[in-house]
N, C-alpha and C. Protein backbone atom coordinates (compact mmCIF):
# COMPACT_ATOMS: atom_id res chain seq x y z
N MET A 1 14.73 13.77 61.75
CA MET A 1 13.15 14.20 62.27
C MET A 1 12.93 14.71 63.51
N ASN A 2 12.59 16.22 63.60
CA ASN A 2 12.86 16.71 65.17
C ASN A 2 11.46 16.38 65.51
N LYS A 3 11.18 15.71 66.70
CA LYS A 3 9.87 15.60 67.14
C LYS A 3 9.85 16.29 68.58
N LYS A 4 8.77 16.55 69.02
CA LYS A 4 8.39 17.60 70.25
C LYS A 4 7.51 16.49 71.24
N LYS A 5 8.20 15.80 72.52
CA LYS A 5 7.42 15.19 73.50
C LYS A 5 6.09 16.14 73.88
N ILE A 6 5.07 15.70 74.22
CA ILE A 6 3.93 16.56 74.60
C ILE A 6 3.89 15.83 76.33
N THR A 7 4.01 16.82 77.28
CA THR A 7 3.96 16.44 78.48
C THR A 7 2.62 16.51 78.90
N PRO A 8 1.77 15.31 79.27
CA PRO A 8 0.53 15.55 79.93
C PRO A 8 0.17 16.40 80.70
N GLU A 9 -0.69 17.04 80.61
CA GLU A 9 -1.29 18.25 81.54
C GLU A 9 -2.59 18.14 81.94
N LEU A 10 -2.74 16.88 82.69
CA LEU A 10 -4.02 16.41 82.84
C LEU A 10 -4.65 17.50 83.70
N ASN A 11 -5.88 17.62 83.27
CA ASN A 11 -6.82 18.53 83.76
C ASN A 11 -7.50 17.77 85.14
N THR A 12 -7.80 18.74 86.37
CA THR A 12 -8.37 18.08 87.19
C THR A 12 -10.15 18.04 86.83
N GLU A 13 -10.21 19.04 86.26
CA GLU A 13 -11.75 19.13 85.64
C GLU A 13 -12.08 18.03 84.80
N THR A 14 -13.27 17.42 84.65
CA THR A 14 -13.71 16.52 83.69
C THR A 14 -14.18 17.17 82.54
N LEU A 15 -13.94 16.60 81.55
CA LEU A 15 -14.20 17.13 80.20
C LEU A 15 -15.73 17.30 80.14
N PRO A 16 -16.05 18.67 79.93
CA PRO A 16 -17.50 19.12 79.84
C PRO A 16 -18.19 18.21 78.58
N THR A 17 -19.57 17.56 78.82
CA THR A 17 -20.16 16.77 77.96
C THR A 17 -21.62 17.17 78.04
N VAL A 18 -22.20 17.42 77.10
CA VAL A 18 -23.52 17.31 76.58
C VAL A 18 -24.45 16.40 75.69
N GLU A 19 -25.45 15.90 76.33
CA GLU A 19 -26.10 14.82 75.45
C GLU A 19 -27.08 15.50 74.41
N VAL A 20 -26.79 15.37 73.32
CA VAL A 20 -27.50 16.15 72.21
C VAL A 20 -27.93 14.57 71.23
N LYS A 21 -29.25 14.42 70.96
CA LYS A 21 -30.02 13.32 70.46
C LYS A 21 -29.38 11.92 70.88
N GLY A 22 -29.37 11.58 72.22
CA GLY A 22 -28.62 10.52 72.94
C GLY A 22 -27.05 10.27 72.57
N LYS A 23 -26.30 11.31 71.97
CA LYS A 23 -24.88 11.33 71.67
C LYS A 23 -24.21 12.39 72.58
N PRO A 24 -23.17 12.00 72.95
CA PRO A 24 -22.48 13.11 73.52
C PRO A 24 -21.56 14.10 72.46
N THR A 25 -21.86 15.12 73.12
CA THR A 25 -21.09 16.37 72.38
C THR A 25 -20.19 17.25 73.52
N TYR A 26 -18.91 17.80 72.87
CA TYR A 26 -18.40 18.70 73.97
C TYR A 26 -18.36 19.99 73.40
N PRO A 27 -18.92 20.93 74.03
CA PRO A 27 -19.04 22.36 73.98
C PRO A 27 -17.94 23.08 74.46
N CYS A 28 -17.55 23.82 73.32
CA CYS A 28 -16.20 24.78 73.34
C CYS A 28 -15.01 23.75 73.27
N LEU A 29 -15.06 22.51 73.17
CA LEU A 29 -13.44 21.57 72.84
C LEU A 29 -12.91 21.91 71.59
N ALA A 30 -13.56 22.14 70.57
CA ALA A 30 -12.97 22.60 69.42
C ALA A 30 -12.22 23.91 69.42
N HIS A 31 -13.06 24.88 69.91
CA HIS A 31 -12.20 26.16 70.31
C HIS A 31 -10.98 26.19 71.23
N GLU A 32 -11.07 25.10 72.13
CA GLU A 32 -10.13 25.00 73.18
C GLU A 32 -8.80 24.35 72.74
N ILE A 33 -8.96 23.28 71.65
CA ILE A 33 -7.80 22.86 70.93
C ILE A 33 -7.42 24.01 70.16
N LEU A 34 -8.24 24.65 69.08
CA LEU A 34 -7.50 25.50 68.32
C LEU A 34 -6.86 26.78 69.13
N GLU A 35 -7.10 27.02 70.31
CA GLU A 35 -6.45 28.30 71.01
C GLU A 35 -5.09 27.57 71.68
N ASP A 36 -5.09 26.19 71.80
CA ASP A 36 -4.09 25.50 72.71
C ASP A 36 -2.54 25.72 71.87
N LYS A 37 -1.58 26.25 72.44
CA LYS A 37 -0.37 26.71 72.03
C LYS A 37 0.63 25.21 71.34
N ILE A 38 0.20 24.20 71.41
CA ILE A 38 0.94 23.16 70.74
C ILE A 38 -0.25 22.61 69.56
N PHE A 39 -1.45 22.38 70.09
CA PHE A 39 -2.51 21.66 69.07
C PHE A 39 -2.83 22.55 68.31
N GLY A 40 -3.31 24.01 68.45
CA GLY A 40 -3.56 24.71 67.50
C GLY A 40 -3.02 25.03 66.34
N PRO A 41 -1.33 25.41 66.76
CA PRO A 41 -0.77 25.21 65.28
C PRO A 41 -0.76 24.06 64.52
N ARG A 42 -0.73 22.91 65.27
CA ARG A 42 -0.80 21.79 64.41
C ARG A 42 -2.07 21.56 63.81
N VAL A 43 -2.95 21.80 64.15
CA VAL A 43 -4.14 21.62 63.38
C VAL A 43 -4.39 22.78 62.20
N LEU A 44 -3.65 24.08 62.32
CA LEU A 44 -3.59 24.86 60.98
C LEU A 44 -2.67 24.26 60.41
N LYS A 45 -1.18 23.75 60.89
CA LYS A 45 -0.44 23.07 59.55
C LYS A 45 -1.17 22.20 58.86
N ARG A 46 -1.90 21.24 59.65
CA ARG A 46 -2.63 20.20 58.71
C ARG A 46 -3.22 20.75 57.89
N LEU A 47 -4.15 21.77 58.29
CA LEU A 47 -4.92 22.42 57.13
C LEU A 47 -4.36 22.98 56.20
N ASN A 48 -3.22 23.67 56.29
CA ASN A 48 -2.39 24.18 55.29
C ASN A 48 -1.77 23.27 54.40
N HIS A 49 -1.44 21.86 54.90
CA HIS A 49 -0.84 20.91 54.07
C HIS A 49 -2.14 20.41 53.20
N LEU A 50 -3.05 20.44 53.72
CA LEU A 50 -4.55 19.65 53.12
C LEU A 50 -4.87 20.74 51.93
N LEU A 51 -4.84 22.22 52.15
CA LEU A 51 -5.12 22.96 51.08
C LEU A 51 -4.20 22.94 49.89
N MET A 52 -3.09 22.81 50.20
CA MET A 52 -1.96 22.81 49.08
C MET A 52 -2.14 21.61 48.27
N ALA A 53 -2.43 20.30 48.98
CA ALA A 53 -2.72 19.02 48.23
C ALA A 53 -3.60 19.09 47.64
N HIS A 54 -4.80 20.05 47.88
CA HIS A 54 -6.48 19.66 47.40
C HIS A 54 -6.77 21.35 46.95
N PRO A 55 -6.05 21.82 45.88
CA PRO A 55 -6.31 23.15 45.24
C PRO A 55 -7.80 23.32 45.09
N ASN A 56 -8.41 22.43 44.62
CA ASN A 56 -9.84 22.67 44.38
C ASN A 56 -11.08 22.64 45.67
N GLY A 57 -10.27 22.40 46.76
CA GLY A 57 -11.06 22.44 47.86
C GLY A 57 -11.10 21.41 48.76
N LEU A 58 -11.54 21.54 49.97
CA LEU A 58 -11.56 20.05 51.04
C LEU A 58 -13.40 19.91 51.03
N SER A 59 -13.29 18.49 51.22
CA SER A 59 -14.67 18.32 51.38
C SER A 59 -15.04 18.28 53.22
N GLU A 60 -16.18 18.78 53.35
CA GLU A 60 -16.55 18.37 54.80
C GLU A 60 -16.72 17.30 55.56
N SER A 61 -16.87 16.03 54.63
CA SER A 61 -17.06 14.87 55.00
C SER A 61 -15.62 14.16 55.27
N GLY A 62 -14.49 14.93 54.93
CA GLY A 62 -13.32 14.48 55.44
C GLY A 62 -12.75 14.87 56.61
N HIS A 63 -13.66 15.75 57.43
CA HIS A 63 -13.29 16.29 58.58
C HIS A 63 -12.55 15.28 59.46
N ASP A 64 -13.22 13.99 59.65
CA ASP A 64 -12.71 12.91 60.92
C ASP A 64 -11.28 12.71 60.39
N TRP A 65 -11.01 12.49 59.16
CA TRP A 65 -9.99 11.90 58.96
C TRP A 65 -8.59 13.26 59.00
N TYR A 66 -9.08 14.17 58.73
CA TYR A 66 -8.31 15.65 58.73
C TYR A 66 -7.65 15.71 60.25
N PHE A 67 -8.76 15.66 61.27
CA PHE A 67 -8.38 16.19 62.60
C PHE A 67 -8.43 15.14 63.59
N GLY A 68 -9.35 14.00 63.17
CA GLY A 68 -9.52 13.04 64.29
C GLY A 68 -8.27 12.67 65.19
N TYR A 69 -7.36 12.47 64.59
CA TYR A 69 -5.78 12.12 65.47
C TYR A 69 -5.75 13.15 66.56
N LEU A 70 -5.71 14.33 66.21
CA LEU A 70 -5.44 15.61 66.87
C LEU A 70 -6.41 15.52 68.07
N VAL A 71 -7.51 15.50 67.60
CA VAL A 71 -8.46 15.75 68.74
C VAL A 71 -8.36 14.49 69.87
N CYS A 72 -8.25 13.34 69.44
CA CYS A 72 -8.21 12.32 70.49
C CYS A 72 -6.71 12.53 71.24
N ALA A 73 -5.75 13.06 70.57
CA ALA A 73 -4.40 13.16 70.81
C ALA A 73 -4.66 14.43 72.18
N TYR A 74 -5.24 15.21 71.76
CA TYR A 74 -5.65 16.41 72.83
C TYR A 74 -6.35 15.98 74.15
N THR A 75 -7.19 15.27 73.95
CA THR A 75 -8.38 14.72 74.77
C THR A 75 -7.66 13.99 75.84
N GLN A 76 -6.73 13.14 75.11
CA GLN A 76 -5.74 12.04 75.86
C GLN A 76 -4.74 12.82 76.86
N THR A 77 -4.17 13.93 76.17
CA THR A 77 -3.12 14.77 76.82
C THR A 77 -3.48 15.27 77.94
N HIS A 78 -4.78 15.97 77.14
CA HIS A 78 -5.18 17.14 78.69
C HIS A 78 -6.43 16.57 79.70
N TYR A 79 -7.02 15.74 79.32
CA TYR A 79 -8.23 14.89 80.06
C TYR A 79 -8.11 13.41 80.59
N GLY A 80 -6.88 12.87 79.92
CA GLY A 80 -6.96 11.50 80.22
C GLY A 80 -7.99 10.61 79.44
N VAL A 81 -8.52 11.24 78.31
CA VAL A 81 -9.68 10.28 77.89
C VAL A 81 -8.83 9.82 76.16
N LYS A 82 -8.76 8.35 76.38
CA LYS A 82 -7.95 7.79 75.32
C LYS A 82 -9.11 7.82 73.94
N ASN A 83 -10.21 7.21 74.25
CA ASN A 83 -11.33 7.33 73.22
C ASN A 83 -12.60 7.90 73.37
N LEU A 84 -12.38 9.10 72.74
CA LEU A 84 -13.25 9.88 72.89
C LEU A 84 -14.74 9.74 72.25
N LEU A 85 -15.68 9.57 72.85
CA LEU A 85 -17.18 8.92 72.55
C LEU A 85 -17.35 10.12 71.28
N ASN A 86 -17.95 9.75 70.08
CA ASN A 86 -18.57 10.80 69.29
C ASN A 86 -17.66 12.11 69.06
N TYR A 87 -16.27 11.69 68.89
CA TYR A 87 -15.52 12.55 68.34
C TYR A 87 -15.89 13.30 67.02
N PRO A 88 -16.65 12.79 66.13
CA PRO A 88 -16.76 13.53 64.85
C PRO A 88 -17.61 14.97 65.08
N SER A 89 -18.38 14.77 66.21
CA SER A 89 -18.73 15.93 66.45
C SER A 89 -17.97 17.20 66.95
N VAL A 90 -16.88 17.04 67.36
CA VAL A 90 -15.57 17.87 67.42
C VAL A 90 -14.62 18.16 66.19
N THR A 91 -14.41 16.98 65.47
CA THR A 91 -13.66 17.25 64.29
C THR A 91 -14.64 18.17 63.30
N LYS A 92 -15.81 18.10 63.22
CA LYS A 92 -16.67 18.80 62.48
C LYS A 92 -16.65 20.15 62.93
N GLU A 93 -16.78 20.49 64.00
CA GLU A 93 -16.48 21.87 64.33
C GLU A 93 -15.32 22.50 64.30
N LEU A 94 -14.26 21.41 64.62
CA LEU A 94 -13.04 22.18 64.38
C LEU A 94 -12.67 22.66 63.15
N PHE A 95 -13.57 21.54 62.02
CA PHE A 95 -13.13 21.92 60.53
C PHE A 95 -13.93 23.35 59.98
N VAL A 96 -15.01 23.51 60.63
CA VAL A 96 -15.85 24.82 60.65
C VAL A 96 -14.91 26.12 61.00
N LEU A 97 -14.45 26.01 62.39
CA LEU A 97 -13.71 26.84 62.75
C LEU A 97 -12.40 27.39 62.10
N CYS A 98 -11.86 26.04 61.39
CA CYS A 98 -10.62 26.55 60.36
C CYS A 98 -11.09 27.10 59.23
N THR A 99 -11.82 26.63 58.52
CA THR A 99 -12.30 27.29 57.23
C THR A 99 -12.65 28.63 57.44
N GLN A 100 -13.53 28.97 58.57
CA GLN A 100 -13.73 30.33 58.62
C GLN A 100 -12.42 31.35 59.46
N GLN A 101 -11.41 30.67 59.68
CA GLN A 101 -10.41 31.38 59.88
C GLN A 101 -9.60 31.58 58.63
N VAL A 102 -9.36 30.60 57.96
CA VAL A 102 -8.86 30.84 56.78
C VAL A 102 -9.57 31.56 55.79
N ALA A 103 -10.97 31.72 55.68
CA ALA A 103 -11.64 32.48 54.87
C ALA A 103 -11.43 34.10 55.19
């Protein structure tokens, strides 16, 4: 098994957060992850595996499970945030962006 070590590239800026209905959301984070040279291909690879495993389609309700670990790994690597609050808001947006790319 060939593993690639991810070198933390801690951003000196804080993670941009906007509160919506009392919950934090992260504008543009899903775009940032998808455009990342390491995490973007991983997200798309995960989506392709899921599409092959589920030829009848994916449910949007599974977006947390599909992408949650990649979102949390990205924020930990780039922002030093281990437990991203309300990460489902990002995984849902990431799911939508991926399905738009595939369509």
